[in-house]
Structure formats: structure tokens, C-alpha cells
Amino acid sequence: MISYLIDEIPHTDLQKLRTHLNDTAMPSSMEDLFWVPLPEDILSEKQYDHEDCKPHVFAVEIGDDWIKMEFFVRNLVNMRCTCSDYATRQQSDFIIRFAHTLIRDLGIRT
């Protein structure tokens, strides 16, 4: 899996990340794994056309001293659908901006 990893995060800052993601992202059935919806205006043509598969999301996972954003866009309805794919350039840029904004706005130390 291709992903964006930010590590060496202090425990107290990881808790800030958890709290924020619990409040703003979609929780998964796994602890410390969250789904973040992508804006519709950056979906690929296939993703945009798959109304029944929306929302399209990327995963954010929190580990022992790290946070990871995956560059894989999936839907939560049908994991095997052809609209799930690696992020486009525009989607990758969104994911990186999301990570940097999260770190900046929450004052996370790395």
C-alpha cells in the first residue's frame, strides 16, 4: 500500500489526533482507523459516476507514535468495485494537504 507516514509523534499529541478524528472523520470497525471522505469535485470520472458507492474515502490510521494516510481511494459499500483505486494526483495532493493541515491546526509535534 502506498501511504503518507508522519512518525515520532508524542503520546499526548496522538490523543489530540484521536479526539479530532473521532469528531470529524468516519470511524471504522477497527480501533484507530478512520475514513475521511474526499470532496466530490476531485473524484475520478468513474468514482463520480458510481452514485451507489459514495462516499469515496481514504484511510487514516493512528499507531504507537505515528499517523498514516493511505493513497488508496475506496468506497464503503462494495470493496471490490472498480471505482476503488489508487489516488489520482489531485487526490494525493488533497491527502497531503489534509495531513499537513491536521498537524498544523492541532499543533502536533513530530
Protein backbone atom coordinates (compact mmCIF):
# COMPACT_ATOMS: atom_id res chain seq x y z
CA MET A 1 0.00 0.00 0.00
CA ILE A 2 1.24 3.47 -0.82
CA SER A 3 0.83 5.81 2.13
CA TYR A 4 1.99 9.04 3.76
CA LEU A 5 3.52 8.47 7.20
CA ILE A 6 4.24 11.03 9.90
CA ASP A 7 6.12 9.49 12.81
CA GLU A 8 7.81 10.32 16.11
CA ILE A 9 4.60 11.86 17.45
CA PRO A 10 4.42 12.21 21.25
CA HIS A 11 1.68 10.21 23.02
CA THR A 12 -0.15 13.34 24.17
CA ASP A 13 -0.34 14.59 20.59
CA LEU A 14 -1.64 11.21 19.38
CA GLN A 15 -4.55 11.66 21.76
CA LYS A 16 -5.29 15.06 20.19
CA LEU A 17 -5.33 13.37 16.79
CA ARG A 18 -7.69 10.61 18.03
CA THR A 19 -10.08 13.12 19.55
CA HIS A 20 -10.11 15.25 16.41
CA LEU A 21 -10.64 12.30 14.08
CA ASN A 22 -13.37 10.87 16.33
CA ASP A 23 -15.15 14.22 15.98
CA THR A 24 -14.58 14.85 12.27
CA ALA A 25 -13.96 11.58 10.40
CA MET A 26 -15.93 8.38 9.99
CA PRO A 27 -14.90 5.67 12.45
CA SER A 28 -14.19 2.18 11.17
CA SER A 29 -14.81 -1.09 12.97
CA MET A 30 -11.11 -1.17 13.87
CA GLU A 31 -9.69 0.94 16.67
CA ASP A 32 -7.61 3.92 15.49
CA LEU A 33 -8.67 3.54 11.85
CA PHE A 34 -10.76 6.32 10.36
CA TRP A 35 -12.30 7.07 6.96
CA VAL A 36 -12.07 10.58 5.51
CA PRO A 37 -14.42 11.39 2.63
CA LEU A 38 -12.97 13.03 -0.45
CA PRO A 39 -14.73 16.06 -1.93
CA GLU A 40 -16.83 15.09 -4.93
CA ASP A 41 -15.10 17.64 -7.16
CA ILE A 42 -11.83 15.66 -7.05
CA LEU A 43 -13.28 12.20 -7.64
CA SER A 44 -12.21 10.37 -10.77
CA GLU A 45 -14.81 10.11 -13.51
CA LYS A 46 -15.56 6.51 -12.57
CA GLN A 47 -15.87 7.35 -8.86
CA TYR A 48 -18.12 10.30 -9.59
CA ASP A 49 -20.38 8.16 -11.80
CA HIS A 50 -20.74 5.44 -9.11
CA GLU A 51 -23.51 7.12 -7.10
CA ASP A 52 -24.32 3.94 -5.19
CA CYS A 53 -20.71 3.70 -3.94
CA LYS A 54 -20.43 7.15 -2.40
CA PRO A 55 -18.84 8.42 -0.28
CA HIS A 56 -15.34 7.68 -1.52
CA VAL A 57 -12.84 7.77 1.30
CA PHE A 58 -9.20 7.35 2.24
CA ALA A 59 -7.96 5.68 5.40
CA VAL A 60 -6.21 7.40 8.29
CA GLU A 61 -4.58 5.10 10.83
CA ILE A 62 -3.00 6.00 14.17
CA GLY A 63 -0.19 3.83 15.53
CA ASP A 64 2.10 3.82 18.57
CA ASP A 65 3.89 7.04 17.56
CA TRP A 66 2.68 7.69 14.02
CA ILE A 67 -0.24 8.61 11.81
CA LYS A 68 -0.61 7.24 8.31
CA MET A 69 -2.81 8.37 5.39
CA GLU A 70 -3.32 5.84 2.61
CA PHE A 71 -3.20 6.87 -1.03
CA PHE A 72 -5.94 4.42 -1.91
CA VAL A 73 -9.47 5.68 -2.52
CA ARG A 74 -12.21 3.21 -1.74
CA ASN A 75 -15.90 3.13 -1.07
CA LEU A 76 -17.50 1.59 1.99
CA VAL A 77 -20.30 -0.17 0.10
CA ASN A 78 -18.50 -2.60 -2.20
CA MET A 79 -14.80 -3.11 -1.52
CA ARG A 80 -14.33 -4.95 -4.83
CA CYS A 81 -15.90 -2.28 -7.03
CA THR A 82 -13.83 -0.98 -9.93
CA CYS A 83 -14.18 2.58 -8.65
CA SER A 84 -11.74 1.82 -5.81
CA ASP A 85 -8.26 2.75 -7.00
CA TYR A 86 -5.02 4.43 -6.06
CA ALA A 87 -5.39 8.17 -5.60
CA THR A 88 -5.06 10.44 -8.60
CA ARG A 89 -2.54 13.27 -8.45
CA GLN A 90 -5.24 15.70 -7.31
CA GLN A 91 -6.49 13.26 -4.66
CA SER A 92 -2.91 12.66 -3.45
CA ASP A 93 -2.38 16.41 -3.13
CA PHE A 94 -5.61 16.65 -1.11
CA ILE A 95 -4.47 13.86 1.24
CA ILE A 96 -1.08 15.51 1.81
CA ARG A 97 -2.72 18.90 2.44
CA PHE A 98 -5.14 17.18 4.84
CA ALA A 99 -2.19 15.72 6.78
CA HIS A 100 -0.26 18.99 6.93
CA THR A 101 -3.34 20.97 7.95
CA LEU A 102 -4.12 18.43 10.67
CA ILE A 103 -0.58 18.68 12.06
CA ARG A 104 -0.54 22.48 11.90
CA ASP A 105 -4.04 23.15 13.25
CA LEU A 106 -3.69 20.72 16.17
CA GLY A 107 -0.13 21.83 16.99
CA ILE A 108 1.22 18.29 16.63
CA ARG A 109 4.93 17.89 17.34
CA THR A 110 6.91 15.48 15.16
